[in-house]
């Protein structure tokens, strides 16, 4: 039995940094497709974990930064009989940008008084 285990473990190679980066990018792409196809629809933490794994919060942060997407955290709470509230794992939803009728100018990056972008 030990010889079989040794032969199996010697064949296993740890994932490379490039493999891990490609997997992260694939998970971010999956989230982008889901959120853009389902705007304003909430997805639970459990469903996100099934979709992209346990690091779904990090992948959502990467998606927010890379694509400037507004993805909101939707907290959930359960009110107990004694009047207290218990926090539950909530969900997330994508809120797309909608240009308002009063917006006269195109979207521009705000700059400081010193010329640096904020």
N, C-alpha and C. Protein backbone atom coordinates (compact mmCIF):
# COMPACT_ATOMS: atom_id res chain seq x y z
N UNK A 1 0.82 -1.19 0.00
CA UNK A 1 0.00 0.00 0.00
C UNK A 1 0.87 1.26 0.00
N UNK A 2 1.96 1.23 0.74
CA UNK A 2 2.82 2.40 0.81
C UNK A 2 3.45 2.70 -0.55
N UNK A 3 3.82 1.66 -1.28
CA UNK A 3 4.44 1.88 -2.60
C UNK A 3 3.47 2.56 -3.55
N UNK A 4 2.19 2.18 -3.50
CA UNK A 4 1.20 2.83 -4.35
C UNK A 4 1.05 4.31 -4.00
N UNK A 5 1.01 4.61 -2.71
CA UNK A 5 0.88 5.99 -2.27
C UNK A 5 2.10 6.81 -2.69
N UNK A 6 3.29 6.23 -2.56
CA UNK A 6 4.50 6.94 -2.97
C UNK A 6 4.50 7.24 -4.47
N UNK A 7 4.04 6.28 -5.26
CA UNK A 7 4.04 6.50 -6.72
C UNK A 7 3.02 7.57 -7.11
N UNK A 8 1.91 7.62 -6.38
CA UNK A 8 0.89 8.64 -6.68
C UNK A 8 1.40 10.02 -6.32
N UNK A 9 1.99 10.16 -5.14
CA UNK A 9 2.44 11.48 -4.69
C UNK A 9 3.64 11.98 -5.48
N UNK A 10 4.47 11.12 -6.01
CA UNK A 10 5.61 11.59 -6.80
C UNK A 10 5.15 12.12 -8.15
N UNK A 11 4.00 11.64 -8.65
CA UNK A 11 3.47 12.13 -9.92
C UNK A 11 2.77 13.48 -9.78
N UNK A 12 2.34 13.82 -8.58
CA UNK A 12 1.65 15.08 -8.37
C UNK A 12 2.63 16.24 -8.40
N UNK A 13 2.26 17.28 -9.12
CA UNK A 13 3.08 18.50 -9.17
C UNK A 13 2.26 19.65 -8.60
N UNK A 14 2.86 20.46 -7.75
CA UNK A 14 2.11 21.61 -7.23
C UNK A 14 1.78 22.57 -8.37
N UNK A 15 0.67 23.27 -8.26
CA UNK A 15 0.31 24.21 -9.32
C UNK A 15 1.33 25.35 -9.41
N UNK A 16 1.60 25.77 -10.60
CA UNK A 16 2.54 26.88 -10.79
C UNK A 16 1.82 28.20 -10.57
N UNK A 17 2.59 29.25 -10.46
CA UNK A 17 2.02 30.59 -10.28
C UNK A 17 1.17 30.94 -11.51
N UNK A 18 1.65 30.57 -12.69
CA UNK A 18 0.89 30.85 -13.92
C UNK A 18 -0.45 30.12 -13.92
N UNK A 19 -0.46 28.87 -13.42
CA UNK A 19 -1.72 28.12 -13.34
C UNK A 19 -2.70 28.80 -12.39
N UNK A 20 -2.20 29.23 -11.25
CA UNK A 20 -3.06 29.89 -10.27
C UNK A 20 -3.59 31.22 -10.80
N UNK A 21 -2.75 31.96 -11.50
CA UNK A 21 -3.18 33.24 -12.07
C UNK A 21 -4.25 33.00 -13.13
N UNK A 22 -4.06 32.00 -13.97
CA UNK A 22 -5.05 31.69 -15.01
C UNK A 22 -6.37 31.27 -14.39
N UNK A 23 -6.32 30.51 -13.30
CA UNK A 23 -7.55 30.09 -12.62
C UNK A 23 -8.27 31.29 -12.01
N UNK A 24 -7.52 32.20 -11.39
CA UNK A 24 -8.13 33.42 -10.83
C UNK A 24 -8.80 34.24 -11.92
N UNK A 25 -8.11 34.42 -13.04
CA UNK A 25 -8.67 35.19 -14.14
C UNK A 25 -9.92 34.52 -14.71
N UNK A 26 -9.91 33.20 -14.76
CA UNK A 26 -11.09 32.48 -15.24
C UNK A 26 -12.26 32.67 -14.30
N UNK A 27 -12.01 32.64 -12.99
CA UNK A 27 -13.08 32.84 -12.01
C UNK A 27 -13.64 34.25 -12.09
N UNK A 28 -12.77 35.24 -12.28
CA UNK A 28 -13.22 36.63 -12.43
C UNK A 28 -14.08 36.76 -13.69
N UNK A 29 -13.67 36.09 -14.77
CA UNK A 29 -14.44 36.13 -16.02
C UNK A 29 -15.82 35.48 -15.84
N UNK A 30 -15.87 34.38 -15.11
CA UNK A 30 -17.15 33.71 -14.83
C UNK A 30 -18.07 34.64 -14.06
N UNK A 31 -17.52 35.31 -13.04
CA UNK A 31 -18.34 36.25 -12.25
C UNK A 31 -18.83 37.41 -13.10
N UNK A 32 -17.96 37.92 -13.96
CA UNK A 32 -18.36 39.05 -14.83
C UNK A 32 -19.52 38.64 -15.73
N UNK A 33 -19.44 37.46 -16.31
CA UNK A 33 -20.51 36.99 -17.18
C UNK A 33 -21.81 36.84 -16.39
N UNK A 34 -21.73 36.25 -15.19
CA UNK A 34 -22.94 36.03 -14.40
C UNK A 34 -23.57 37.36 -13.99
N UNK A 35 -22.75 38.27 -13.46
CA UNK A 35 -23.30 39.54 -12.96
C UNK A 35 -23.87 40.39 -14.09
N UNK A 36 -23.19 40.45 -15.25
CA UNK A 36 -23.72 41.27 -16.34
C UNK A 36 -24.96 40.65 -16.96
N UNK A 37 -25.09 39.34 -16.92
CA UNK A 37 -26.28 38.69 -17.45
C UNK A 37 -27.46 38.79 -16.49
N UNK A 38 -27.19 39.05 -15.21
CA UNK A 38 -28.24 39.09 -14.19
C UNK A 38 -28.14 40.37 -13.35
N UNK A 39 -28.31 41.55 -13.97
CA UNK A 39 -28.20 42.77 -13.17
C UNK A 39 -29.32 42.87 -12.13
N UNK A 40 -28.98 43.42 -11.00
CA UNK A 40 -29.90 43.62 -9.86
C UNK A 40 -30.42 42.33 -9.26
N UNK A 41 -29.94 41.20 -9.70
CA UNK A 41 -30.37 39.92 -9.13
C UNK A 41 -29.33 39.48 -8.11
N UNK A 42 -29.81 39.12 -6.93
CA UNK A 42 -28.92 38.72 -5.85
C UNK A 42 -28.48 37.28 -6.03
N UNK A 43 -27.21 37.02 -5.71
CA UNK A 43 -26.69 35.66 -5.69
C UNK A 43 -26.14 35.43 -4.28
N UNK A 44 -26.48 34.31 -3.70
CA UNK A 44 -26.10 34.04 -2.31
C UNK A 44 -24.63 33.62 -2.22
N UNK A 45 -24.10 33.69 -1.02
CA UNK A 45 -22.71 33.30 -0.77
C UNK A 45 -22.50 31.83 -1.11
N UNK A 46 -23.47 31.00 -0.79
CA UNK A 46 -23.34 29.58 -1.10
C UNK A 46 -23.29 29.30 -2.60
N UNK A 47 -24.11 30.03 -3.36
CA UNK A 47 -24.09 29.86 -4.82
C UNK A 47 -22.78 30.38 -5.41
N UNK A 48 -22.26 31.48 -4.86
CA UNK A 48 -20.97 32.00 -5.33
C UNK A 48 -19.85 31.01 -5.05
N UNK A 49 -19.91 30.37 -3.89
CA UNK A 49 -18.89 29.39 -3.55
C UNK A 49 -18.92 28.20 -4.51
N UNK A 50 -20.12 27.79 -4.90
CA UNK A 50 -20.24 26.71 -5.88
C UNK A 50 -19.72 27.14 -7.25
N UNK A 51 -19.92 28.42 -7.56
CA UNK A 51 -19.55 28.94 -8.88
C UNK A 51 -18.05 29.10 -9.05
N UNK A 52 -17.39 29.72 -8.06
CA UNK A 52 -15.96 30.03 -8.20
C UNK A 52 -15.10 29.61 -7.02
N UNK A 53 -15.65 28.94 -6.04
CA UNK A 53 -14.85 28.46 -4.92
C UNK A 53 -14.92 29.37 -3.70
N UNK A 54 -14.16 28.98 -2.70
CA UNK A 54 -14.22 29.68 -1.41
C UNK A 54 -13.69 31.10 -1.44
N UNK A 55 -12.85 31.43 -2.39
CA UNK A 55 -12.29 32.78 -2.46
C UNK A 55 -13.16 33.72 -3.28
N UNK A 56 -14.46 33.52 -3.24
CA UNK A 56 -15.35 34.34 -4.06
C UNK A 56 -15.28 35.82 -3.69
N UNK A 57 -15.05 36.14 -2.41
CA UNK A 57 -14.98 37.54 -2.01
C UNK A 57 -13.77 38.24 -2.64
N UNK A 58 -12.65 37.53 -2.70
CA UNK A 58 -11.46 38.09 -3.33
C UNK A 58 -11.68 38.26 -4.83
N UNK A 59 -12.33 37.28 -5.47
CA UNK A 59 -12.59 37.38 -6.91
C UNK A 59 -13.54 38.55 -7.21
N UNK A 60 -14.52 38.78 -6.33
CA UNK A 60 -15.43 39.91 -6.51
C UNK A 60 -14.66 41.22 -6.37
N UNK A 61 -13.75 41.30 -5.43
CA UNK A 61 -12.92 42.50 -5.28
C UNK A 61 -12.07 42.75 -6.52
N UNK A 62 -11.50 41.69 -7.06
CA UNK A 62 -10.70 41.82 -8.28
C UNK A 62 -11.58 42.28 -9.45
N UNK A 63 -12.79 41.78 -9.52
CA UNK A 63 -13.71 42.18 -10.59
C UNK A 63 -14.10 43.65 -10.44
N UNK A 64 -14.37 44.07 -9.22
CA UNK A 64 -14.70 45.48 -8.98
C UNK A 64 -13.56 46.39 -9.45
N UNK A 65 -12.34 46.01 -9.12
CA UNK A 65 -11.18 46.84 -9.46
C UNK A 65 -10.90 46.82 -10.95
N UNK A 66 -10.95 45.66 -11.56
CA UNK A 66 -10.57 45.53 -12.97
C UNK A 66 -11.61 46.13 -13.91
N UNK A 67 -12.87 45.97 -13.61
CA UNK A 67 -13.92 46.39 -14.54
C UNK A 67 -14.72 47.59 -14.05
N UNK A 68 -14.37 48.13 -12.89
CA UNK A 68 -15.10 49.26 -12.29
C UNK A 68 -16.60 48.95 -12.20
N UNK A 69 -16.91 47.73 -11.78
CA UNK A 69 -18.30 47.31 -11.64
C UNK A 69 -18.77 47.60 -10.22
N UNK A 70 -20.01 48.03 -10.11
CA UNK A 70 -20.61 48.30 -8.80
C UNK A 70 -21.34 47.03 -8.36
N UNK A 71 -20.67 46.25 -7.53
CA UNK A 71 -21.24 45.02 -6.99
C UNK A 71 -21.46 45.25 -5.51
N UNK A 72 -22.72 45.21 -5.10
CA UNK A 72 -23.09 45.51 -3.72
C UNK A 72 -23.20 44.24 -2.89
N UNK A 73 -22.82 44.38 -1.63
CA UNK A 73 -23.03 43.31 -0.67
C UNK A 73 -24.43 43.50 -0.10
N UNK A 74 -25.24 42.44 -0.11
CA UNK A 74 -26.60 42.51 0.42
C UNK A 74 -26.62 41.70 1.72
N UNK A 75 -26.56 42.40 2.88
CA UNK A 75 -26.54 41.68 4.15
C UNK A 75 -27.89 41.05 4.48
N UNK A 76 -27.85 39.95 5.18
CA UNK A 76 -29.06 39.27 5.61
C UNK A 76 -29.00 39.10 7.13
N UNK A 77 -30.13 39.20 7.77
CA UNK A 77 -30.19 38.99 9.21
C UNK A 77 -31.48 38.26 9.55
N UNK A 78 -31.44 37.51 10.62
CA UNK A 78 -32.59 36.75 11.09
C UNK A 78 -32.99 37.31 12.43
N UNK A 79 -34.25 37.71 12.56
CA UNK A 79 -34.73 38.23 13.83
C UNK A 79 -35.21 37.06 14.68
N UNK A 80 -34.63 36.93 15.85
CA UNK A 80 -34.95 35.83 16.75
C UNK A 80 -36.15 36.19 17.63
N UNK A 81 -36.69 35.19 18.31
CA UNK A 81 -37.88 35.39 19.12
C UNK A 81 -37.66 36.39 20.26
N UNK A 82 -36.43 36.46 20.77
CA UNK A 82 -36.16 37.38 21.89
C UNK A 82 -35.89 38.81 21.40
N UNK A 83 -36.04 39.06 20.11
CA UNK A 83 -35.88 40.40 19.56
C UNK A 83 -34.48 40.71 19.05
N UNK A 84 -33.55 39.82 19.28
CA UNK A 84 -32.20 40.06 18.78
C UNK A 84 -32.10 39.64 17.31
N UNK A 85 -31.07 40.16 16.68
CA UNK A 85 -30.86 39.82 15.26
C UNK A 85 -29.56 39.04 15.12
N UNK A 86 -29.60 38.02 14.29
CA UNK A 86 -28.41 37.22 14.03
C UNK A 86 -27.99 37.45 12.59
N UNK A 87 -26.70 37.80 12.39
CA UNK A 87 -26.20 38.03 11.04
C UNK A 87 -26.07 36.70 10.30
N UNK A 88 -26.48 36.70 9.06
CA UNK A 88 -26.31 35.54 8.19
C UNK A 88 -25.43 35.95 7.03
N UNK A 89 -24.82 34.97 6.37
CA UNK A 89 -24.04 35.33 5.19
C UNK A 89 -25.00 35.82 4.12
N UNK A 90 -24.73 36.98 3.61
CA UNK A 90 -25.62 37.60 2.65
C UNK A 90 -25.28 37.21 1.23
N UNK A 91 -25.61 38.08 0.33
CA UNK A 91 -25.35 37.84 -1.08
C UNK A 91 -24.76 39.07 -1.72
N UNK A 92 -24.65 39.03 -3.03
CA UNK A 92 -24.12 40.13 -3.81
C UNK A 92 -25.03 40.37 -5.00
N UNK A 93 -25.02 41.62 -5.50
CA UNK A 93 -25.75 41.93 -6.71
C UNK A 93 -25.01 43.03 -7.46
N UNK A 94 -25.14 43.01 -8.77
CA UNK A 94 -24.52 43.99 -9.65
C UNK A 94 -25.52 45.08 -9.95
N UNK A 95 -25.13 46.33 -9.70
CA UNK A 95 -25.98 47.48 -10.00
C UNK A 95 -25.32 48.23 -11.16
N UNK A 96 -25.88 48.12 -12.36
CA UNK A 96 -25.25 48.78 -13.50
C UNK A 96 -25.39 50.30 -13.43
N UNK A 97 -24.42 50.98 -14.03
CA UNK A 97 -24.45 52.44 -14.09
C UNK A 97 -25.48 52.86 -15.12
N UNK A 98 -26.34 53.77 -14.72
CA UNK A 98 -27.32 54.31 -15.64
C UNK A 98 -27.13 55.82 -15.69
N UNK A 99 -26.95 56.32 -16.87
CA UNK A 99 -26.77 57.76 -17.03
C UNK A 99 -28.11 58.44 -16.81
N UNK A 100 -28.11 59.42 -15.93
CA UNK A 100 -29.33 60.15 -15.63
C UNK A 100 -29.58 61.20 -16.69
N UNK A 101 -30.82 61.59 -16.86
CA UNK A 101 -31.17 62.59 -17.84
C UNK A 101 -30.53 63.94 -17.57
N UNK A 102 -30.24 64.21 -16.32
CA UNK A 102 -29.66 65.51 -15.98
C UNK A 102 -28.15 65.55 -16.20
N UNK A 103 -27.54 64.39 -16.51
CA UNK A 103 -26.10 64.35 -16.76
C UNK A 103 -25.81 64.97 -18.12
N UNK A 104 -25.28 66.16 -18.12
CA UNK A 104 -25.03 66.87 -19.37
C UNK A 104 -23.69 66.48 -19.98
N UNK A 105 -22.73 66.19 -19.14
CA UNK A 105 -21.38 65.92 -19.64
C UNK A 105 -21.08 64.44 -19.60
N UNK A 106 -20.10 64.06 -20.36
CA UNK A 106 -19.63 62.67 -20.34
C UNK A 106 -18.89 62.42 -19.03
N UNK A 107 -18.74 61.17 -18.67
CA UNK A 107 -18.05 60.79 -17.44
C UNK A 107 -16.57 61.12 -17.58
N UNK A 108 -16.01 61.84 -16.62
CA UNK A 108 -14.59 62.18 -16.63
C UNK A 108 -14.00 61.83 -15.28
N UNK A 109 -12.70 61.61 -15.27
CA UNK A 109 -11.99 61.31 -14.03
C UNK A 109 -11.76 62.61 -13.29
N UNK A 110 -12.13 62.62 -12.01
CA UNK A 110 -11.95 63.82 -11.21
C UNK A 110 -10.47 64.02 -10.91
N UNK A 111 -10.00 65.26 -10.97
CA UNK A 111 -8.62 65.55 -10.65
C UNK A 111 -8.56 66.48 -9.45
N UNK A 112 -7.45 66.42 -8.77
CA UNK A 112 -7.27 67.30 -7.61
C UNK A 112 -6.81 68.67 -8.07
N UNK A 113 -6.65 69.58 -7.14
CA UNK A 113 -6.18 70.91 -7.46
C UNK A 113 -4.76 70.90 -8.02
N UNK A 114 -4.03 69.82 -7.72
CA UNK A 114 -2.64 69.72 -8.14
C UNK A 114 -2.47 68.96 -9.47
N UNK A 115 -3.59 68.58 -10.09
CA UNK A 115 -3.51 67.91 -11.39
C UNK A 115 -3.43 66.40 -11.31
N UNK A 116 -3.38 65.85 -10.11
CA UNK A 116 -3.34 64.39 -9.97
C UNK A 116 -4.75 63.85 -10.02
N UNK A 117 -4.92 62.67 -10.63
CA UNK A 117 -6.26 62.08 -10.60
C UNK A 117 -6.50 61.45 -9.24
N UNK A 118 -7.72 61.52 -8.82
CA UNK A 118 -8.11 61.04 -7.49
C UNK A 118 -8.61 59.63 -7.60
